[in-house]
PDB file of N, CA and C in Angstrom:
ATOM      1  N   MET A   1       8.509  -5.879   1.588  1.00  0.00           N
ATOM      2  CA  MET A   1       7.136  -6.154   1.682  1.00  0.00           C
ATOM      3  C   MET A   1       6.875  -7.319   0.833  1.00  0.00           C
ATOM      4  N   GLU A   2       6.142  -8.189   1.575  1.00  0.00           N
ATOM      5  CA  GLU A   2       5.633  -9.421   0.952  1.00  0.00           C
ATOM      6  C   GLU A   2       4.232  -9.679   0.719  1.00  0.00           C
ATOM      7  N   LEU A   3       3.808 -10.660  -0.096  1.00  0.00           N
ATOM      8  CA  LEU A   3       2.428 -10.979  -0.319  1.00  0.00           C
ATOM      9  C   LEU A   3       1.519 -11.098   1.123  1.00  0.00           C
ATOM     10  N   GLY A   4       0.557 -10.586   1.070  1.00  0.00           N
ATOM     11  CA  GLY A   4      -0.281 -10.503   2.438  1.00  0.00           C
ATOM     12  C   GLY A   4      -0.091  -9.561   3.381  1.00  0.00           C
ATOM     13  N   ASP A   5       1.054  -8.879   3.283  1.00  0.00           N
ATOM     14  CA  ASP A   5       1.195  -7.612   4.181  1.00  0.00           C
ATOM     15  C   ASP A   5       0.104  -6.547   3.976  1.00  0.00           C
ATOM     16  N   MET A   6      -0.122  -6.004   5.122  1.00  0.00           N
ATOM     17  CA  MET A   6      -1.052  -4.712   5.164  1.00  0.00           C
ATOM     18  C   MET A   6      -0.132  -3.514   4.980  1.00  0.00           C
ATOM     19  N   VAL A   7      -0.686  -2.804   3.915  1.00  0.00           N
ATOM     20  CA  VAL A   7       0.001  -1.313   3.778  1.00  0.00           C
ATOM     21  C   VAL A   7      -0.853  -0.018   3.679  1.00  0.00           C
ATOM     22  N   ILE A   8      -0.233   1.010   3.856  1.00  0.00           N
ATOM     23  CA  ILE A   8      -0.972   2.249   3.759  1.00  0.00           C
ATOM     24  C   ILE A   8      -0.364   3.067   2.559  1.00  0.00           C
ATOM     25  N   ILE A   9      -1.160   3.471   1.808  1.00  0.00           N
ATOM     26  CA  ILE A   9      -0.710   4.440   0.634  1.00  0.00           C
ATOM     27  C   ILE A   9      -0.220   5.845   1.344  1.00  0.00           C
ATOM     28  N   ASP A  10       1.042   6.085   1.385  1.00  0.00           N
ATOM     29  CA  ASP A  10       1.690   7.031   2.161  1.00  0.00           C
ATOM     30  C   ASP A  10       2.316   8.262   1.290  1.00  0.00           C
ATOM     31  N   ASP A  11       1.757   8.531   0.143  1.00  0.00           N
ATOM     32  CA  ASP A  11       2.294   9.610  -0.535  1.00  0.00           C
ATOM     33  C   ASP A  11       1.002  10.541  -0.980  1.00  0.00           C
ATOM     34  N   PRO A  12       1.112  11.698  -0.597  1.00  0.00           N
ATOM     35  CA  PRO A  12       0.056  12.703  -0.743  1.00  0.00           C
ATOM     36  C   PRO A  12      -0.188  13.008  -2.055  1.00  0.00           C
ATOM     37  N   ARG A  13       0.737  12.527  -3.115  1.00  0.00           N
ATOM     38  CA  ARG A  13       0.479  12.808  -4.562  1.00  0.00           C
ATOM     39  C   ARG A  13      -0.414  11.845  -5.051  1.00  0.00           C
ATOM     40  N   HIS A  14      -0.698  10.613  -4.292  1.00  0.00           N
ATOM     41  CA  HIS A  14      -1.460   9.376  -4.824  1.00  0.00           C
ATOM     42  C   HIS A  14      -3.146   9.759  -4.587  1.00  0.00           C
ATOM     43  N   PRO A  15      -3.949   9.435  -5.545  1.00  0.00           N
ATOM     44  CA  PRO A  15      -5.204   9.763  -5.265  1.00  0.00           C
ATOM     45  C   PRO A  15      -5.881   8.771  -4.237  1.00  0.00           C
ATOM     46  N   LEU A  16      -5.254   7.833  -3.750  1.00  0.00           N
ATOM     47  CA  LEU A  16      -5.804   6.918  -2.619  1.00  0.00           C
ATOM     48  C   LEU A  16      -4.857   7.097  -1.459  1.00  0.00           C
ATOM     49  N   TYR A  17      -4.280   8.381  -1.403  1.00  0.00           N
ATOM     50  CA  TYR A  17      -3.618   8.676  -0.133  1.00  0.00           C
ATOM     51  C   TYR A  17      -4.370   8.387   1.306  1.00  0.00           C
ATOM     52  N   GLY A  18      -3.677   7.594   2.210  1.00  0.00           N
ATOM     53  CA  GLY A  18      -4.253   7.094   3.372  1.00  0.00           C
ATOM     54  C   GLY A  18      -5.005   6.027   3.367  1.00  0.00           C
ATOM     55  N   CYS A  19      -5.453   5.348   2.326  1.00  0.00           N
ATOM     56  CA  CYS A  19      -6.049   4.176   2.273  1.00  0.00           C
ATOM     57  C   CYS A  19      -5.239   2.873   2.618  1.00  0.00           C
ATOM     58  N   VAL A  20      -5.832   2.056   3.267  1.00  0.00           N
ATOM     59  CA  VAL A  20      -5.412   0.788   3.638  1.00  0.00           C
ATOM     60  C   VAL A  20      -5.627  -0.354   2.662  1.00  0.00           C
ATOM     61  N   GLY A  21      -4.673  -1.141   2.450  1.00  0.00           N
ATOM     62  CA  GLY A  21      -4.692  -2.390   1.451  1.00  0.00           C
ATOM     63  C   GLY A  21      -3.829  -3.484   1.829  1.00  0.00           C
ATOM     64  N   LYS A  22      -4.097  -4.603   1.000  1.00  0.00           N
ATOM     65  CA  LYS A  22      -3.276  -5.772   1.226  1.00  0.00           C
ATOM     66  C   LYS A  22      -2.639  -6.011  -0.182  1.00  0.00           C
ATOM     67  N   ILE A  23      -1.305  -6.376   0.177  1.00  0.00           N
ATOM     68  CA  ILE A  23      -0.605  -6.813  -1.275  1.00  0.00           C
ATOM     69  C   ILE A  23      -0.855  -8.020  -1.507  1.00  0.00           C
ATOM     70  N   VAL A  24      -1.445  -8.179  -2.967  1.00  0.00           N
ATOM     71  CA  VAL A  24      -2.106  -9.495  -3.488  1.00  0.00           C
ATOM     72  C   VAL A  24      -1.172  -9.830  -4.669  1.00  0.00           C
ATOM     73  N   GLY A  25      -0.207  -9.158  -5.055  1.00  0.00           N
ATOM     74  CA  GLY A  25       0.638  -9.462  -6.253  1.00  0.00           C
ATOM     75  C   GLY A  25       1.831  -8.477  -6.413  1.00  0.00           C
ATOM     76  N   LYS A  26       2.564  -8.945  -7.196  1.00  0.00           N
ATOM     77  CA  LYS A  26       3.965  -8.166  -7.692  1.00  0.00           C
ATOM     78  C   LYS A  26       3.904  -8.102  -9.267  1.00  0.00           C
ATOM     79  N   ARG A  27       4.250  -6.998  -9.818  1.00  0.00           N
ATOM     80  CA  ARG A  27       4.078  -6.848 -11.241  1.00  0.00           C
ATOM     81  C   ARG A  27       5.371  -6.215 -11.952  1.00  0.00           C
ATOM     82  N   GLY A  28       6.264  -6.341 -11.338  1.00  0.00           N
ATOM     83  CA  GLY A  28       7.695  -5.952 -12.054  1.00  0.00           C
ATOM     84  C   GLY A  28       8.087  -4.740 -11.478  1.00  0.00           C
ATOM     85  N   LYS A  29       9.259  -4.236 -12.195  1.00  0.00           N
ATOM     86  CA  LYS A  29       9.885  -3.064 -11.701  1.00  0.00           C
ATOM     87  C   LYS A  29       9.437  -1.764 -12.481  1.00  0.00           C
ATOM     88  N   ARG A  30       9.295  -0.725 -11.667  1.00  0.00           N
ATOM     89  CA  ARG A  30       9.069   0.617 -12.183  1.00  0.00           C
ATOM     90  C   ARG A  30      10.277   1.331 -12.417  1.00  0.00           C
ATOM     91  N   LYS A  31      11.245   1.218 -11.521  1.00  0.00           N
ATOM     92  CA  LYS A  31      12.551   1.641 -11.624  1.00  0.00           C
ATOM     93  C   LYS A  31      13.504   0.621 -10.960  1.00  0.00           C
ATOM     94  N   GLU A  32      14.796   0.695 -10.976  1.00  0.00           N
ATOM     95  CA  GLU A  32      15.667  -0.366 -10.553  1.00  0.00           C
ATOM     96  C   GLU A  32      15.343  -0.683  -9.225  1.00  0.00           C
ATOM     97  N   HIS A  33      15.118   0.038  -8.105  1.00  0.00           N
ATOM     98  CA  HIS A  33      14.677  -0.481  -6.951  1.00  0.00           C
ATOM     99  C   HIS A  33      13.276  -0.364  -6.520  1.00  0.00           C
ATOM    100  N   ASP A  34      12.454  -0.150  -7.182  1.00  0.00           N
ATOM    101  CA  ASP A  34      11.032   0.401  -7.045  1.00  0.00           C
ATOM    102  C   ASP A  34      10.198  -0.478  -7.726  1.00  0.00           C
ATOM    103  N   MET A  35       9.182  -1.459  -6.961  1.00  0.00           N
ATOM    104  CA  MET A  35       8.421  -2.585  -7.466  1.00  0.00           C
ATOM    105  C   MET A  35       7.133  -2.142  -7.741  1.00  0.00           C
ATOM    106  N   TRP A  36       6.601  -2.317  -8.771  1.00  0.00           N
ATOM    107  CA  TRP A  36       4.888  -2.366  -8.671  1.00  0.00           C
ATOM    108  C   TRP A  36       4.210  -3.288  -7.911  1.00  0.00           C
ATOM    109  N   LEU A  37       3.315  -2.974  -7.259  1.00  0.00           N
ATOM    110  CA  LEU A  37       2.585  -3.988  -6.288  1.00  0.00           C
ATOM    111  C   LEU A  37       1.075  -3.822  -6.461  1.00  0.00           C
ATOM    112  N   LEU A  38       0.458  -5.000  -6.498  1.00  0.00           N
ATOM    113  CA  LEU A  38      -0.843  -5.072  -6.722  1.00  0.00           C
ATOM    114  C   LEU A  38      -1.465  -4.886  -5.275  1.00  0.00           C
ATOM    115  N   ILE A  39      -2.343  -3.886  -5.083  1.00  0.00           N
ATOM    116  CA  ILE A  39      -2.862  -3.818  -3.797  1.00  0.00           C
ATOM    117  C   ILE A  39      -4.346  -3.922  -3.678  1.00  0.00           C
ATOM    118  N   TYR A  40      -4.904  -4.796  -2.810  1.00  0.00           N
ATOM    119  CA  TYR A  40      -6.494  -4.707  -2.728  1.00  0.00           C
ATOM    120  C   TYR A  40      -6.976  -3.763  -1.681  1.00  0.00           C
ATOM    121  N   VAL A  41      -7.751  -2.734  -2.046  1.00  0.00           N
ATOM    122  CA  VAL A  41      -8.187  -1.659  -1.057  1.00  0.00           C
ATOM    123  C   VAL A  41      -9.751  -2.178  -0.771  1.00  0.00           C
ATOM    124  N   ALA A  42     -10.035  -2.625   0.296  1.00  0.00           N
ATOM    125  CA  ALA A  42     -11.260  -3.223   0.770  1.00  0.00           C
ATOM    126  C   ALA A  42     -12.268  -1.973   0.647  1.00  0.00           C
ATOM    127  N   SER A  43     -11.973  -0.844   1.072  1.00  0.00           N
ATOM    128  CA  SER A  43     -12.908   0.203   0.998  1.00  0.00           C
ATOM    129  C   SER A  43     -13.502   0.509  -0.300  1.00  0.00           C
ATOM    130  N   LYS A  44     -12.672   0.383  -1.332  1.00  0.00           N
ATOM    131  CA  LYS A  44     -13.019   0.492  -2.730  1.00  0.00           C
ATOM    132  C   LYS A  44     -13.415  -0.830  -3.446  1.00  0.00           C
ATOM    133  N   MET A  45     -13.203  -1.954  -3.011  1.00  0.00           N
ATOM    134  CA  MET A  45     -13.518  -3.047  -3.544  1.00  0.00           C
ATOM    135  C   MET A  45     -12.961  -3.312  -4.796  1.00  0.00           C
ATOM    136  N   ARG A  46     -11.623  -3.191  -4.843  1.00  0.00           N
ATOM    137  CA  ARG A  46     -11.084  -3.479  -6.066  1.00  0.00           C
ATOM    138  C   ARG A  46      -9.346  -3.232  -5.890  1.00  0.00           C
ATOM    139  N   ASP A  47      -8.616  -3.783  -7.013  1.00  0.00           N
ATOM    140  CA  ASP A  47      -7.120  -3.809  -6.885  1.00  0.00           C
ATOM    141  C   ASP A  47      -6.587  -2.584  -7.520  1.00  0.00           C
ATOM    142  N   TYR A  48      -5.490  -1.965  -7.168  1.00  0.00           N
ATOM    143  CA  TYR A  48      -4.734  -0.952  -7.732  1.00  0.00           C
ATOM    144  C   TYR A  48      -3.299  -1.432  -7.791  1.00  0.00           C
ATOM    145  N   LEU A  49      -2.676  -0.993  -8.942  1.00  0.00           N
ATOM    146  CA  LEU A  49      -1.130  -0.919  -8.948  1.00  0.00           C
ATOM    147  C   LEU A  49      -0.708   0.181  -8.525  1.00  0.00           C
ATOM    148  N   VAL A  50       0.198   0.052  -7.555  1.00  0.00           N
ATOM    149  CA  VAL A  50       0.936   1.188  -6.764  1.00  0.00           C
ATOM    150  C   VAL A  50       2.288   0.902  -6.690  1.00  0.00           C
ATOM    151  N   PRO A  51       3.189   2.031  -6.780  1.00  0.00           N
ATOM    152  CA  PRO A  51       4.657   1.665  -6.753  1.00  0.00           C
ATOM    153  C   PRO A  51       4.978   1.608  -5.129  1.00  0.00           C
ATOM    154  N   GLN A  52       5.848   0.577  -4.870  1.00  0.00           N
ATOM    155  CA  GLN A  52       6.299   0.195  -3.550  1.00  0.00           C
ATOM    156  C   GLN A  52       6.859   1.657  -2.925  1.00  0.00           C
ATOM    157  N   SER A  53       7.355   2.541  -3.509  1.00  0.00           N
ATOM    158  CA  SER A  53       7.824   3.740  -2.975  1.00  0.00           C
ATOM    159  C   SER A  53       6.668   4.649  -2.401  1.00  0.00           C
ATOM    160  N   MET A  54       5.559   4.329  -2.840  1.00  0.00           N
ATOM    161  CA  MET A  54       4.431   5.070  -2.261  1.00  0.00           C
ATOM    162  C   MET A  54       3.520   4.461  -1.023  1.00  0.00           C
ATOM    163  N   LEU A  55       4.178   3.395  -0.740  1.00  0.00           N
ATOM    164  CA  LEU A  55       3.483   2.481   0.393  1.00  0.00           C
ATOM    165  C   LEU A  55       4.590   2.507   1.710  1.00  0.00           C
ATOM    166  N   ARG A  56       3.655   2.244   2.681  1.00  0.00           N
ATOM    167  CA  ARG A  56       4.531   1.864   3.977  1.00  0.00           C
ATOM    168  C   ARG A  56       3.857   0.772   4.669  1.00  0.00           C
ATOM    169  N   LEU A  57       4.436  -0.080   5.548  1.00  0.00           N
ATOM    170  CA  LEU A  57       3.885  -1.256   6.230  1.00  0.00           C
ATOM    171  C   LEU A  57       2.856  -0.615   7.301  1.00  0.00           C
ATOM    172  N   GLU A  58       1.795  -1.235   7.510  1.00  0.00           N
ATOM    173  CA  GLU A  58       0.784  -0.859   8.456  1.00  0.00           C
ATOM    174  C   GLU A  58       1.161  -1.357   9.656  1.00  0.00           C
ATOM    175  N   GLU A  59       1.343  -0.625  10.707  1.00  0.00           N
ATOM    176  CA  GLU A  59       1.696  -0.934  12.197  1.00  0.00           C
ATOM    177  C   GLU A  59       0.537  -0.735  12.943  1.00  0.00           C
ATOM    178  N   MET A  60      -0.168  -1.967  13.188  1.00  0.00           N
ATOM    179  CA  MET A  60      -1.433  -1.685  13.711  1.00  0.00           C
ATOM    180  C   MET A  60      -1.570  -1.113  15.210  1.00  0.00           C
ATOM    181  N   GLU A  61      -0.516  -1.158  16.001  1.00  0.00           N
ATOM    182  CA  GLU A  61      -0.548  -0.541  17.390  1.00  0.00           C
ATOM    183  C   GLU A  61      -0.335   0.972  17.172  1.00  0.00           C
ATOM    184  N   LYS A  62       0.848   1.425  16.379  1.00  0.00           N
ATOM    185  CA  LYS A  62       1.023   2.679  16.371  1.00  0.00           C
ATOM    186  C   LYS A  62      -0.215   3.564  15.531  1.00  0.00           C
ATOM    187  N   ASP A  63      -0.702   2.963  14.456  1.00  0.00           N
ATOM    188  CA  ASP A  63      -1.740   3.619  13.755  1.00  0.00           C
ATOM    189  C   ASP A  63      -3.128   3.798  14.509  1.00  0.00           C
ATOM    190  N   ARG A  64      -3.325   2.959  15.423  1.00  0.00           N
ATOM    191  CA  ARG A  64      -4.460   2.967  16.221  1.00  0.00           C
ATOM    192  C   ARG A  64      -4.249   4.038  17.182  1.00  0.00           C
ATOM    193  N   THR A  65      -3.202   4.419  17.801  1.00  0.00           N
ATOM    194  CA  THR A  65      -3.005   5.366  18.853  1.00  0.00           C
ATOM    195  C   THR A  65      -2.933   6.721  18.112  1.00  0.00           C
ATOM    196  N   ARG A  66      -2.461   6.770  16.967  1.00  0.00           N
ATOM    197  CA  ARG A  66      -2.337   8.013  16.214  1.00  0.00           C
ATOM    198  C   ARG A  66      -3.637   8.453  15.837  1.00  0.00           C
ATOM    199  N   LEU A  67      -4.355   7.652  15.491  1.00  0.00           N
ATOM    200  CA  LEU A  67      -6.042   8.059  15.062  1.00  0.00           C
ATOM    201  C   LEU A  67      -6.727   8.570  16.147  1.00  0.00           C
ATOM    202  N   GLN A  68      -6.449   8.050  17.316  1.00  0.00           N
ATOM    203  CA  GLN A  68      -7.394   8.510  18.690  1.00  0.00           C
ATOM    204  C   GLN A  68      -7.206   9.836  19.114  1.00  0.00           C
TER     205      GLN A  68
END
């Protein structure tokens, strides 16, 4: 995952589960292979620190057909 990628919070334990956001920063490691990412969530109009393990890349075509 790189800066500018659109992601979905994909862990049911997270309070923002299902929200779409944009990666705007990286803030260090949570665990050895798990990075803290700063995600801007437009629907909430603020940034959140979310572990990379709780995110997945948004795939525009697949997500649109799934919601219909």
